[in-house]
Amino acid sequence: MSAETETGTEVVTEAEEATVDSDRAEDVRDDAPAAEGDRISRLEQEGDIAADYLEELLDIADLDGDLDIDVEADRAAVSIVGADLAQLVGRDGKVLEALQELTRLAVYRETGERSRLMLDISGFRADKRTRLTQLGTETAAEVAKSGEPVSLEPMTPFERKIVHDAVAAAGLRSESAGVEPRRYVVVLPA
């Protein structure tokens, strides 16, 4: 079988097409490590931009804090640790959420790309992740035992994701219900 190209009467056999397709597949595989390196480099750049922004903010507010930059789960992660940073967390993490959005905007301003950067201050998010994972696991056990669905209190998307992951790890299903800002998780029997 042969094929004609748009530019003329060049004839390509199926064997030649297979060779070209095989070469293209190898090129894609060869580019995968480079693409992974580019992705990590881009996320590290996001972390650096965020750290610079947050250092400036800490200086303006006359607060002491150390910054830690990392790449976790396909996103840049910046943590600020220090003696008295509770005012940067705020009630139920509201100030932390606002600072995270401002930091994402600072990254966007520099890169032109939307960031999924995660900000943690004084381990607030890490502690919350631990508590929510435990809540998801315990609720899944309760639902498995009773066979009845259980609805949890409204949560942010970040919080719901942690609970969904914990429920899935326990072998059950869950779904989000309701309308923002009152969306909540419903844990369902298997």
Protein backbone atom coordinates (compact mmCIF):
# COMPACT_ATOMS: atom_id res chain seq x y z
CA MET A 1 0.00 0.00 0.00
CA SER A 2 1.28 3.51 -0.72
CA ALA A 3 0.34 7.04 0.25
CA GLU A 4 0.69 10.27 -1.68
CA THR A 5 1.84 13.41 0.11
CA GLU A 6 0.31 16.87 -0.40
CA THR A 7 3.57 18.16 -1.87
CA GLY A 8 3.83 15.76 -4.74
CA THR A 9 3.85 12.17 -5.80
CA GLU A 10 6.19 10.74 -3.18
CA VAL A 11 5.24 7.16 -2.41
CA VAL A 12 5.74 5.85 1.13
CA THR A 13 5.38 2.17 1.88
CA GLU A 14 3.74 0.83 5.05
CA ALA A 15 7.13 -0.42 6.25
CA GLU A 16 8.60 3.08 5.86
CA GLU A 17 5.61 4.59 7.71
CA ALA A 18 6.13 2.11 10.56
CA THR A 19 9.82 3.05 10.75
CA VAL A 20 8.98 6.77 10.84
CA ASP A 21 6.30 6.18 13.52
CA SER A 22 8.77 4.10 15.54
CA ASP A 23 11.39 6.87 15.28
CA ARG A 24 8.82 9.46 16.42
CA ALA A 25 7.88 7.28 19.42
CA GLU A 26 11.57 7.02 20.38
CA ASP A 27 11.92 10.80 20.07
CA VAL A 28 8.95 11.25 22.43
CA ARG A 29 10.45 8.76 24.91
CA ASP A 30 13.83 10.50 24.69
CA ASP A 31 12.14 13.85 25.37
CA ALA A 32 10.27 12.54 28.45
CA PRO A 33 13.22 12.92 30.87
CA ALA A 34 13.92 16.37 29.45
CA ALA A 35 10.26 17.34 29.81
CA GLU A 36 10.29 16.08 33.42
CA GLY A 37 13.42 18.14 34.10
CA ASP A 38 11.81 21.20 32.48
CA ARG A 39 8.67 20.75 34.60
CA ILE A 40 10.66 20.47 37.82
CA SER A 41 12.80 23.44 36.81
CA ARG A 42 9.65 25.49 36.14
CA LEU A 43 8.18 24.52 39.53
CA GLU A 44 11.46 25.40 41.28
CA GLN A 45 11.38 28.78 39.52
CA GLU A 46 7.81 29.30 40.83
CA GLY A 47 9.06 28.49 44.33
CA ASP A 48 11.93 30.97 44.02
CA ILE A 49 9.63 33.74 42.81
CA ALA A 50 7.19 33.00 45.64
CA ALA A 51 9.99 32.96 48.22
CA ASP A 52 11.26 36.35 47.03
CA TYR A 53 7.75 37.78 47.26
CA LEU A 54 7.16 36.33 50.72
CA GLU A 55 10.56 37.48 52.04
CA GLU A 56 9.68 41.00 50.99
CA LEU A 57 6.31 40.68 52.70
CA LEU A 58 7.93 39.43 55.92
CA ASP A 59 10.37 42.37 55.83
CA ILE A 60 7.55 44.87 55.38
CA ALA A 61 5.59 43.30 58.26
CA ASP A 62 8.80 43.15 60.34
CA LEU A 63 8.34 39.40 60.95
CA ASP A 64 11.03 36.78 61.24
CA GLY A 65 10.59 33.58 59.31
CA ASP A 66 12.59 30.99 57.44
CA LEU A 67 11.44 29.85 54.01
CA ASP A 68 11.64 26.32 52.68
CA ILE A 69 11.03 25.66 48.98
CA ASP A 70 10.14 22.22 47.61
CA VAL A 71 8.30 20.49 44.77
CA GLU A 72 5.50 18.21 45.97
CA ALA A 73 2.85 16.36 43.98
CA ASP A 74 3.37 18.32 40.77
CA ARG A 75 3.31 21.75 42.40
CA ALA A 76 5.70 24.16 44.04
CA ALA A 77 5.45 24.23 47.83
CA VAL A 78 6.72 27.03 50.06
CA SER A 79 6.72 26.84 53.85
CA ILE A 80 7.35 29.66 56.28
CA VAL A 81 8.40 28.73 59.79
CA GLY A 82 9.10 31.13 62.59
CA ALA A 83 8.37 32.10 66.16
CA ASP A 84 5.21 34.19 65.98
CA LEU A 85 3.47 33.80 62.64
CA ALA A 86 -0.06 33.05 63.86
CA GLN A 87 -1.32 36.35 62.44
CA LEU A 88 -0.24 35.13 58.97
CA VAL A 89 -2.38 32.02 59.38
CA GLY A 90 -5.46 33.76 60.76
CA ARG A 91 -8.67 32.20 61.98
CA ASP A 92 -9.23 28.82 60.29
CA GLY A 93 -6.38 29.61 57.87
CA LYS A 94 -8.24 32.47 56.16
CA VAL A 95 -5.20 34.78 56.08
CA LEU A 96 -3.04 31.89 54.87
CA GLU A 97 -5.48 31.28 51.98
CA ALA A 98 -5.36 34.97 51.04
CA LEU A 99 -1.55 35.03 51.19
CA GLN A 100 -1.41 31.93 49.03
CA GLU A 101 -3.58 33.61 46.38
CA LEU A 102 -1.48 36.79 46.49
CA THR A 103 1.68 34.70 46.14
CA ARG A 104 0.19 32.83 43.18
CA LEU A 105 -0.59 36.20 41.59
CA ALA A 106 3.01 37.32 42.12
CA VAL A 107 4.20 34.15 40.37
CA TYR A 108 1.73 34.73 37.55
CA ARG A 109 2.95 38.30 37.14
CA GLU A 110 6.52 37.02 36.66
CA THR A 111 5.88 33.89 34.58
CA GLY A 112 2.64 34.62 32.75
CA GLU A 113 1.42 31.15 33.78
CA ARG A 114 -1.15 30.23 36.41
CA SER A 115 0.46 28.61 39.46
CA ARG A 116 -0.85 25.84 41.72
CA LEU A 117 1.71 26.77 44.39
CA MET A 118 0.95 25.63 47.93
CA LEU A 119 1.85 27.84 50.88
CA ASP A 120 2.15 26.59 54.45
CA ILE A 121 2.87 28.72 57.50
CA SER A 122 4.08 27.28 60.81
CA GLY A 123 2.95 23.79 59.74
CA PHE A 124 -0.74 24.78 59.70
CA ARG A 125 -1.53 22.93 56.46
CA ALA A 126 0.57 19.90 57.40
CA ASP A 127 -1.32 19.58 60.71
CA LYS A 128 -4.64 20.08 58.94
CA ARG A 129 -3.74 17.42 56.36
CA THR A 130 -3.04 14.95 59.18
CA ARG A 131 -6.35 15.73 60.92
CA LEU A 132 -8.37 15.52 57.69
CA THR A 133 -6.74 12.24 56.67
CA GLN A 134 -7.70 10.84 60.06
CA LEU A 135 -11.26 12.19 59.66
CA GLY A 136 -11.57 10.57 56.22
CA THR A 137 -10.24 7.23 57.47
CA GLU A 138 -12.48 7.20 60.56
CA THR A 139 -15.56 8.23 58.57
CA ALA A 140 -14.86 5.52 55.98
CA ALA A 141 -14.66 2.93 58.77
CA GLU A 142 -17.97 4.20 60.21
CA VAL A 143 -19.68 4.01 56.79
CA ALA A 144 -18.24 0.54 56.10
CA LYS A 145 -19.63 -0.66 59.43
CA SER A 146 -23.07 0.98 59.20
CA GLY A 147 -23.60 0.78 55.44
CA GLU A 148 -25.11 4.28 55.56
CA PRO A 149 -23.66 7.37 53.82
CA VAL A 150 -22.22 10.11 56.03
CA SER A 151 -22.07 13.83 55.14
CA LEU A 152 -19.27 15.94 56.59
CA GLU A 153 -19.13 19.65 57.36
CA PRO A 154 -18.44 22.12 54.50
CA MET A 155 -14.77 22.29 53.48
CA THR A 156 -12.47 24.09 51.08
CA PRO A 157 -11.41 22.28 47.88
CA PHE A 158 -7.99 21.55 49.47
CA GLU A 159 -9.66 19.97 52.50
CA ARG A 160 -12.14 17.95 50.42
CA LYS A 161 -9.32 16.55 48.27
CA ILE A 162 -7.52 15.24 51.36
CA VAL A 163 -10.69 13.57 52.67
CA HIS A 164 -11.49 12.07 49.23
CA ASP A 165 -7.96 10.61 49.07
CA ALA A 166 -8.25 9.11 52.58
CA VAL A 167 -11.66 7.58 51.80
CA ALA A 168 -10.36 6.08 48.54
CA ALA A 169 -7.35 4.65 50.39
CA ALA A 170 -9.80 2.98 52.79
CA GLY A 171 -11.54 1.35 49.80
CA LEU A 172 -14.75 3.39 49.76
CA ARG A 173 -16.21 6.09 47.52
CA SER A 174 -16.92 9.72 48.27
CA GLU A 175 -18.27 12.68 46.38
CA SER A 176 -18.64 16.40 46.89
CA ALA A 177 -22.10 17.90 47.22
CA GLY A 178 -23.52 21.36 47.77
CA VAL A 179 -22.53 24.72 46.34
CA GLU A 180 -19.40 26.76 47.14
CA PRO A 181 -18.59 27.95 49.72
CA ARG A 182 -20.71 25.30 51.47
CA ARG A 183 -19.52 22.23 49.49
CA TYR A 184 -19.01 19.15 51.60
CA VAL A 185 -17.94 15.51 51.29
CA VAL A 186 -20.39 12.61 51.35
CA VAL A 187 -18.79 9.25 52.14
CA LEU A 188 -20.68 6.40 50.46
CA PRO A 189 -20.79 2.68 51.25
CA ALA A 190 -18.93 0.35 48.85
